Amino acid sequence: MTHSAARTSSDIWLEAAYTLLVEQGVDAVKIMTLAKRTGLTRTGFYWHFKDLNGLLDALIQRWEETNTGHLVCRAEAPAQSIVAAMLNVFDCWFDATLFDAPLDLAIRNWARNDATLQSRLNQADARRIEALYDMFRRFDYPVDQAKVRSMTVIYTQIGYFSMEVADDLDQRLALVSQYVEVFTGRAPSLSEMQAFRARHQSGF
């Protein structure tokens, strides 16, 4: 397939690399493989990236901005109660544009054999936990409770993605109320759950 000049951008290379990373792991991300997949030339690759490491760095940056960045924003979003605040965070688990679970898992698998990336992953996890900790503290949870609850949320979600749990949307929505109560110690009201369901069943 021939790509127009408008499409022969770094985004094409990045999307192809993303797909390989998620489907096969970082070792599968090679310039020649990407060129075959995109129908672009290896020479064209170097107009956009210094080398393969430059492309991989762009993937990592995408992960940091999408997953960690959005989670922090949702934790900081205005909310009238801790339940509403937690449901704001839960938006990440139901909207792939806010949190890319396959990419998160791919990054974690990649980091097992890359000490530098593992360090960035540790920093990202710490930032996510800190954002949730600040959220709990905003609603007057004691320091120790805020720490444990924030870690519980993140570790549970990492486990959920790592185990590649395949619940459908209705199954996941049915469990939200219980998860929120476990994480916060507060049960969502009917109106809070109706609002959450409405924004995800209709497409957030």
C-alpha atoms as a PDB file:
ATOM      1  CA  MET A   1       0.000   0.000   0.000  1.00  0.00           C
ATOM      2  CA  THR A   2       1.273   3.467  -0.888  1.00  0.00           C
ATOM      3  CA  HIS A   3       1.213   6.060   1.867  1.00  0.00           C
ATOM      4  CA  SER A   4       0.527   9.698   1.107  1.00  0.00           C
ATOM      5  CA  ALA A   5       3.014  12.308   2.250  1.00  0.00           C
ATOM      6  CA  ALA A   6       0.556  13.336   4.966  1.00  0.00           C
ATOM      7  CA  ARG A   7       0.604   9.830   6.405  1.00  0.00           C
ATOM      8  CA  THR A   8       4.319   9.149   6.202  1.00  0.00           C
ATOM      9  CA  SER A   9       4.883  10.597   9.625  1.00  0.00           C
ATOM     10  CA  SER A  10       6.430   9.436  12.853  1.00  0.00           C
ATOM     11  CA  ASP A  11       2.938   8.364  13.938  1.00  0.00           C
ATOM     12  CA  ILE A  12       2.871   5.562  11.364  1.00  0.00           C
ATOM     13  CA  TRP A  13       6.158   4.162  12.620  1.00  0.00           C
ATOM     14  CA  LEU A  14       5.074   4.626  16.227  1.00  0.00           C
ATOM     15  CA  GLU A  15       1.740   2.837  15.725  1.00  0.00           C
ATOM     16  CA  ALA A  16       3.440  -0.077  14.007  1.00  0.00           C
ATOM     17  CA  ALA A  17       6.015  -0.296  16.793  1.00  0.00           C
ATOM     18  CA  TYR A  18       3.244  -0.125  19.391  1.00  0.00           C
ATOM     19  CA  THR A  19       1.448  -3.063  17.767  1.00  0.00           C
ATOM     20  CA  LEU A  20       4.600  -5.182  17.673  1.00  0.00           C
ATOM     21  CA  LEU A  21       5.483  -4.317  21.258  1.00  0.00           C
ATOM     22  CA  VAL A  22       2.048  -5.245  22.568  1.00  0.00           C
ATOM     23  CA  GLU A  23       1.643  -8.379  20.469  1.00  0.00           C
ATOM     24  CA  GLN A  24       5.175  -9.814  20.499  1.00  0.00           C
ATOM     25  CA  GLY A  25       7.362  -7.891  22.917  1.00  0.00           C
ATOM     26  CA  VAL A  26      10.192  -5.429  22.501  1.00  0.00           C
ATOM     27  CA  ASP A  27      12.553  -7.890  20.791  1.00  0.00           C
ATOM     28  CA  ALA A  28      10.162  -7.971  17.822  1.00  0.00           C
ATOM     29  CA  VAL A  29      10.425  -4.213  17.268  1.00  0.00           C
ATOM     30  CA  LYS A  30      12.955  -3.941  14.447  1.00  0.00           C
ATOM     31  CA  ILE A  31      13.302  -1.265  11.791  1.00  0.00           C
ATOM     32  CA  MET A  32      13.169  -3.724   8.889  1.00  0.00           C
ATOM     33  CA  THR A  33      10.077  -5.415  10.307  1.00  0.00           C
ATOM     34  CA  LEU A  34       8.407  -2.048  10.763  1.00  0.00           C
ATOM     35  CA  ALA A  35       9.297  -1.010   7.203  1.00  0.00           C
ATOM     36  CA  LYS A  36       7.658  -4.165   5.839  1.00  0.00           C
ATOM     37  CA  ARG A  37       4.560  -3.639   7.963  1.00  0.00           C
ATOM     38  CA  THR A  38       4.122  -0.005   7.031  1.00  0.00           C
ATOM     39  CA  GLY A  39       5.240  -0.178   3.425  1.00  0.00           C
ATOM     40  CA  LEU A  40       7.695   2.612   4.158  1.00  0.00           C
ATOM     41  CA  THR A  41      11.457   2.674   3.588  1.00  0.00           C
ATOM     42  CA  ARG A  42      14.159   2.317   6.182  1.00  0.00           C
ATOM     43  CA  THR A  43      15.578   5.599   4.915  1.00  0.00           C
ATOM     44  CA  GLY A  44      12.282   7.267   5.740  1.00  0.00           C
ATOM     45  CA  PHE A  45      12.506   5.988   9.297  1.00  0.00           C
ATOM     46  CA  TYR A  46      15.599   8.087   9.930  1.00  0.00           C
ATOM     47  CA  TRP A  47      13.764  11.271   8.979  1.00  0.00           C
ATOM     48  CA  HIS A  48      11.738  10.809  12.153  1.00  0.00           C
ATOM     49  CA  PHE A  49      13.966   8.934  14.590  1.00  0.00           C
ATOM     50  CA  LYS A  50      17.705   8.973  15.185  1.00  0.00           C
ATOM     51  CA  ASP A  51      17.737   5.212  15.616  1.00  0.00           C
ATOM     52  CA  LEU A  52      15.668   2.345  17.014  1.00  0.00           C
ATOM     53  CA  ASN A  53      16.285   3.556  20.555  1.00  0.00           C
ATOM     54  CA  GLY A  54      14.715   6.871  19.611  1.00  0.00           C
ATOM     55  CA  LEU A  55      11.562   5.052  18.548  1.00  0.00           C
ATOM     56  CA  LEU A  56      11.533   2.955  21.707  1.00  0.00           C
ATOM     57  CA  ASP A  57      11.931   6.101  23.805  1.00  0.00           C
ATOM     58  CA  ALA A  58       8.888   7.548  22.047  1.00  0.00           C
ATOM     59  CA  LEU A  59       6.890   4.449  22.986  1.00  0.00           C
ATOM     60  CA  ILE A  60       7.937   4.807  26.611  1.00  0.00           C
ATOM     61  CA  GLN A  61       7.010   8.484  26.587  1.00  0.00           C
ATOM     62  CA  ARG A  62       3.610   7.607  25.123  1.00  0.00           C
ATOM     63  CA  TRP A  63       3.089   5.106  27.940  1.00  0.00           C
ATOM     64  CA  GLU A  64       4.078   7.623  30.618  1.00  0.00           C
ATOM     65  CA  GLU A  65       1.832  10.350  29.236  1.00  0.00           C
ATOM     66  CA  THR A  66      -1.169   8.110  28.573  1.00  0.00           C
ATOM     67  CA  ASN A  67      -1.194   5.842  31.586  1.00  0.00           C
ATOM     68  CA  THR A  68       0.533   7.661  34.404  1.00  0.00           C
ATOM     69  CA  GLY A  69      -0.392  11.147  33.220  1.00  0.00           C
ATOM     70  CA  HIS A  70      -4.101  10.431  32.866  1.00  0.00           C
ATOM     71  CA  LEU A  71      -4.321   8.474  36.103  1.00  0.00           C
ATOM     72  CA  VAL A  72      -2.776  11.365  38.009  1.00  0.00           C
ATOM     73  CA  CYS A  73      -5.184  13.803  36.361  1.00  0.00           C
ATOM     74  CA  ARG A  74      -8.186  11.675  37.258  1.00  0.00           C
ATOM     75  CA  ALA A  75      -7.000  11.369  40.877  1.00  0.00           C
ATOM     76  CA  GLU A  76      -6.666  15.155  41.040  1.00  0.00           C
ATOM     77  CA  ALA A  77     -10.035  15.867  39.396  1.00  0.00           C
ATOM     78  CA  PRO A  78     -12.603  17.767  41.505  1.00  0.00           C
ATOM     79  CA  ALA A  79     -14.944  15.492  43.457  1.00  0.00           C
ATOM     80  CA  GLN A  80     -17.510  15.972  46.203  1.00  0.00           C
ATOM     81  CA  SER A  81     -16.683  12.709  47.969  1.00  0.00           C
ATOM     82  CA  ILE A  82     -14.014  10.038  48.099  1.00  0.00           C
ATOM     83  CA  VAL A  83     -16.390   7.730  46.245  1.00  0.00           C
ATOM     84  CA  ALA A  84     -16.766  10.243  43.409  1.00  0.00           C
ATOM     85  CA  ALA A  85     -12.985  10.709  43.385  1.00  0.00           C
ATOM     86  CA  MET A  86     -12.406   6.967  43.156  1.00  0.00           C
ATOM     87  CA  LEU A  87     -14.937   6.669  40.352  1.00  0.00           C
ATOM     88  CA  ASN A  88     -12.998   9.383  38.530  1.00  0.00           C
ATOM     89  CA  VAL A  89      -9.927   7.141  38.778  1.00  0.00           C
ATOM     90  CA  PHE A  90     -11.996   4.143  37.666  1.00  0.00           C
ATOM     91  CA  ASP A  91     -12.605   6.003  34.410  1.00  0.00           C
ATOM     92  CA  CYS A  92      -9.068   4.941  33.529  1.00  0.00           C
ATOM     93  CA  TRP A  93      -9.987   1.255  33.772  1.00  0.00           C
ATOM     94  CA  PHE A  94     -12.981   1.694  31.477  1.00  0.00           C
ATOM     95  CA  ASP A  95     -11.604   4.070  28.843  1.00  0.00           C
ATOM     96  CA  ALA A  96      -8.632   2.858  26.814  1.00  0.00           C
ATOM     97  CA  THR A  97      -7.838   6.417  25.748  1.00  0.00           C
ATOM     98  CA  LEU A  98      -7.144   7.224  29.408  1.00  0.00           C
ATOM     99  CA  PHE A  99      -5.277   4.043  30.289  1.00  0.00           C
ATOM    100  CA  ASP A 100      -3.834   1.571  27.787  1.00  0.00           C
ATOM    101  CA  ALA A 101      -3.744  -1.744  29.655  1.00  0.00           C
ATOM    102  CA  PRO A 102      -1.998  -3.797  26.921  1.00  0.00           C
ATOM    103  CA  LEU A 103       0.751  -1.163  26.714  1.00  0.00           C
ATOM    104  CA  ASP A 104       1.148  -1.141  30.491  1.00  0.00           C
ATOM    105  CA  LEU A 105       1.607  -4.910  30.504  1.00  0.00           C
ATOM    106  CA  ALA A 106       4.044  -4.760  27.578  1.00  0.00           C
ATOM    107  CA  ILE A 107       6.140  -2.136  29.363  1.00  0.00           C
ATOM    108  CA  ARG A 108       6.243  -4.255  32.522  1.00  0.00           C
ATOM    109  CA  ASN A 109       7.365  -7.309  30.569  1.00  0.00           C
ATOM    110  CA  TRP A 110      10.009  -5.259  28.752  1.00  0.00           C
ATOM    111  CA  ALA A 111      11.309  -3.789  32.005  1.00  0.00           C
ATOM    112  CA  ARG A 112      12.150  -7.245  33.355  1.00  0.00           C
ATOM    113  CA  ASN A 113      15.248  -7.221  31.161  1.00  0.00           C
ATOM    114  CA  ASP A 114      15.949  -3.484  31.046  1.00  0.00           C
ATOM    115  CA  ALA A 115      17.197  -1.904  34.249  1.00  0.00           C
ATOM    116  CA  THR A 116      16.803   1.646  32.978  1.00  0.00           C
ATOM    117  CA  LEU A 117      13.200   1.067  32.005  1.00  0.00           C
ATOM    118  CA  GLN A 118      12.572  -0.710  35.303  1.00  0.00           C
ATOM    119  CA  SER A 119      13.710   2.435  37.074  1.00  0.00           C
ATOM    120  CA  ARG A 120      11.262   4.530  35.044  1.00  0.00           C
ATOM    121  CA  LEU A 121       8.529   2.001  35.745  1.00  0.00           C
ATOM    122  CA  ASN A 122       9.232   2.181  39.466  1.00  0.00           C
ATOM    123  CA  GLN A 123       9.023   5.967  39.288  1.00  0.00           C
ATOM    124  CA  ALA A 124       5.736   5.766  37.389  1.00  0.00           C
ATOM    125  CA  ASP A 125       4.217   3.389  39.926  1.00  0.00           C
ATOM    126  CA  ALA A 126       5.399   5.626  42.752  1.00  0.00           C
ATOM    127  CA  ARG A 127       3.826   8.647  41.052  1.00  0.00           C
ATOM    128  CA  ARG A 128       0.521   6.811  40.608  1.00  0.00           C
ATOM    129  CA  ILE A 129       0.502   5.713  44.237  1.00  0.00           C
ATOM    130  CA  GLU A 130       1.395   9.223  45.390  1.00  0.00           C
ATOM    131  CA  ALA A 131      -1.490  10.694  43.378  1.00  0.00           C
ATOM    132  CA  LEU A 132      -3.936   8.298  45.006  1.00  0.00           C
ATOM    133  CA  TYR A 133      -2.389   8.912  48.407  1.00  0.00           C
ATOM    134  CA  ASP A 134      -2.938  12.647  47.950  1.00  0.00           C
ATOM    135  CA  MET A 135      -6.508  11.919  46.883  1.00  0.00           C
ATOM    136  CA  PHE A 136      -7.237   9.961  50.058  1.00  0.00           C
ATOM    137  CA  ARG A 137      -5.561  12.590  52.203  1.00  0.00           C
ATOM    138  CA  ARG A 138      -7.726  15.244  50.549  1.00  0.00           C
ATOM    139  CA  PHE A 139     -10.691  13.460  52.104  1.00  0.00           C
ATOM    140  CA  ASP A 140      -9.043  13.255  55.535  1.00  0.00           C
ATOM    141  CA  TYR A 141      -7.948   9.625  55.582  1.00  0.00           C
ATOM    142  CA  PRO A 142      -5.169   9.023  58.137  1.00  0.00           C
ATOM    143  CA  VAL A 143      -1.658   8.858  56.683  1.00  0.00           C
ATOM    144  CA  ASP A 144      -1.225   5.100  57.145  1.00  0.00           C
ATOM    145  CA  GLN A 145      -4.648   4.327  55.681  1.00  0.00           C
ATOM    146  CA  ALA A 146      -4.045   6.605  52.735  1.00  0.00           C
ATOM    147  CA  LYS A 147      -0.761   4.817  52.009  1.00  0.00           C
ATOM    148  CA  VAL A 148      -2.192   1.318  52.202  1.00  0.00           C
ATOM    149  CA  ARG A 149      -5.360   2.139  50.277  1.00  0.00           C
ATOM    150  CA  SER A 150      -3.439   3.832  47.465  1.00  0.00           C
ATOM    151  CA  MET A 151      -1.066   0.872  47.149  1.00  0.00           C
ATOM    152  CA  THR A 152      -3.995  -1.556  47.213  1.00  0.00           C
ATOM    153  CA  VAL A 153      -5.666   0.207  44.296  1.00  0.00           C
ATOM    154  CA  ILE A 154      -2.532   0.188  42.137  1.00  0.00           C
ATOM    155  CA  TYR A 155      -1.387  -3.330  43.001  1.00  0.00           C
ATOM    156  CA  THR A 156      -4.861  -4.724  42.385  1.00  0.00           C
ATOM    157  CA  GLN A 157      -5.071  -3.096  38.991  1.00  0.00           C
ATOM    158  CA  ILE A 158      -1.582  -4.252  37.994  1.00  0.00           C
ATOM    159  CA  GLY A 159      -2.590  -7.780  38.915  1.00  0.00           C
ATOM    160  CA  TYR A 160      -5.837  -7.488  36.976  1.00  0.00           C
ATOM    161  CA  PHE A 161      -4.043  -6.438  33.810  1.00  0.00           C
ATOM    162  CA  SER A 162      -1.148  -8.866  34.271  1.00  0.00           C
ATOM    163  CA  MET A 163      -3.563 -11.778  34.590  1.00  0.00           C
ATOM    164  CA  GLU A 164      -5.353 -10.504  31.463  1.00  0.00           C
ATOM    165  CA  VAL A 165      -8.769 -10.947  33.047  1.00  0.00           C
ATOM    166  CA  ALA A 166     -11.321 -11.018  30.227  1.00  0.00           C
ATOM    167  CA  ASP A 167     -14.566  -9.845  31.858  1.00  0.00           C
ATOM    168  CA  ASP A 168     -17.000  -8.132  29.514  1.00  0.00           C
ATOM    169  CA  LEU A 169     -18.223  -4.583  30.149  1.00  0.00           C
ATOM    170  CA  ASP A 170     -21.380  -5.608  32.009  1.00  0.00           C
ATOM    171  CA  GLN A 171     -19.433  -7.949  34.301  1.00  0.00           C
ATOM    172  CA  ARG A 172     -16.902  -5.238  35.081  1.00  0.00           C
ATOM    173  CA  LEU A 173     -19.549  -2.610  35.733  1.00  0.00           C
ATOM    174  CA  ALA A 174     -21.375  -4.977  38.073  1.00  0.00           C
ATOM    175  CA  LEU A 175     -18.283  -5.165  40.310  1.00  0.00           C
ATOM    176  CA  VAL A 176     -17.400  -1.473  40.433  1.00  0.00           C
ATOM    177  CA  SER A 177     -19.521  -0.686  43.475  1.00  0.00           C
ATOM    178  CA  GLN A 178     -17.900  -3.474  45.506  1.00  0.00           C
ATOM    179  CA  TYR A 179     -14.397  -2.514  44.425  1.00  0.00           C
ATOM    180  CA  VAL A 180     -14.986   1.121  45.360  1.00  0.00           C
ATOM    181  CA  GLU A 181     -16.263   0.098  48.771  1.00  0.00           C
ATOM    182  CA  VAL A 182     -13.240  -2.151  49.344  1.00  0.00           C
ATOM    183  CA  PHE A 183     -10.821   0.588  48.307  1.00  0.00           C
ATOM    184  CA  THR A 184     -12.476   3.487  50.134  1.00  0.00           C
ATOM    185  CA  GLY A 185     -14.545   1.941  52.911  1.00  0.00           C
ATOM    186  CA  ARG A 186     -17.550   3.815  51.513  1.00  0.00           C
ATOM    187  CA  ALA A 187     -20.388   2.394  49.424  1.00  0.00           C
ATOM    188  CA  PRO A 188     -21.296   4.380  46.301  1.00  0.00           C
ATOM    189  CA  SER A 189     -24.785   5.845  46.208  1.00  0.00           C
ATOM    190  CA  LEU A 190     -27.272   4.778  43.554  1.00  0.00           C
ATOM    191  CA  SER A 191     -26.914   8.152  41.813  1.00  0.00           C
ATOM    192  CA  GLU A 192     -23.102   7.923  41.792  1.00  0.00           C
ATOM    193  CA  MET A 193     -23.214   4.491  40.187  1.00  0.00           C
ATOM    194  CA  GLN A 194     -25.879   5.560  37.695  1.00  0.00           C
ATOM    195  CA  ALA A 195     -23.693   8.476  36.610  1.00  0.00           C
ATOM    196  CA  PHE A 196     -20.641   6.235  36.256  1.00  0.00           C
ATOM    197  CA  ARG A 197     -22.559   3.621  34.273  1.00  0.00           C
ATOM    198  CA  ALA A 198     -24.087   6.243  32.020  1.00  0.00           C
ATOM    199  CA  ARG A 199     -20.777   7.719  30.964  1.00  0.00           C
ATOM    200  CA  HIS A 200     -19.252   4.349  30.161  1.00  0.00           C
ATOM    201  CA  GLN A 201     -22.178   2.505  28.662  1.00  0.00           C
ATOM    202  CA  SER A 202     -22.754   5.420  26.305  1.00  0.00           C
ATOM    203  CA  GLY A 203     -19.046   5.788  25.499  1.00  0.00           C
ATOM    204  CA  PHE A 204     -17.036   7.981  27.855  1.00  0.00           C
END
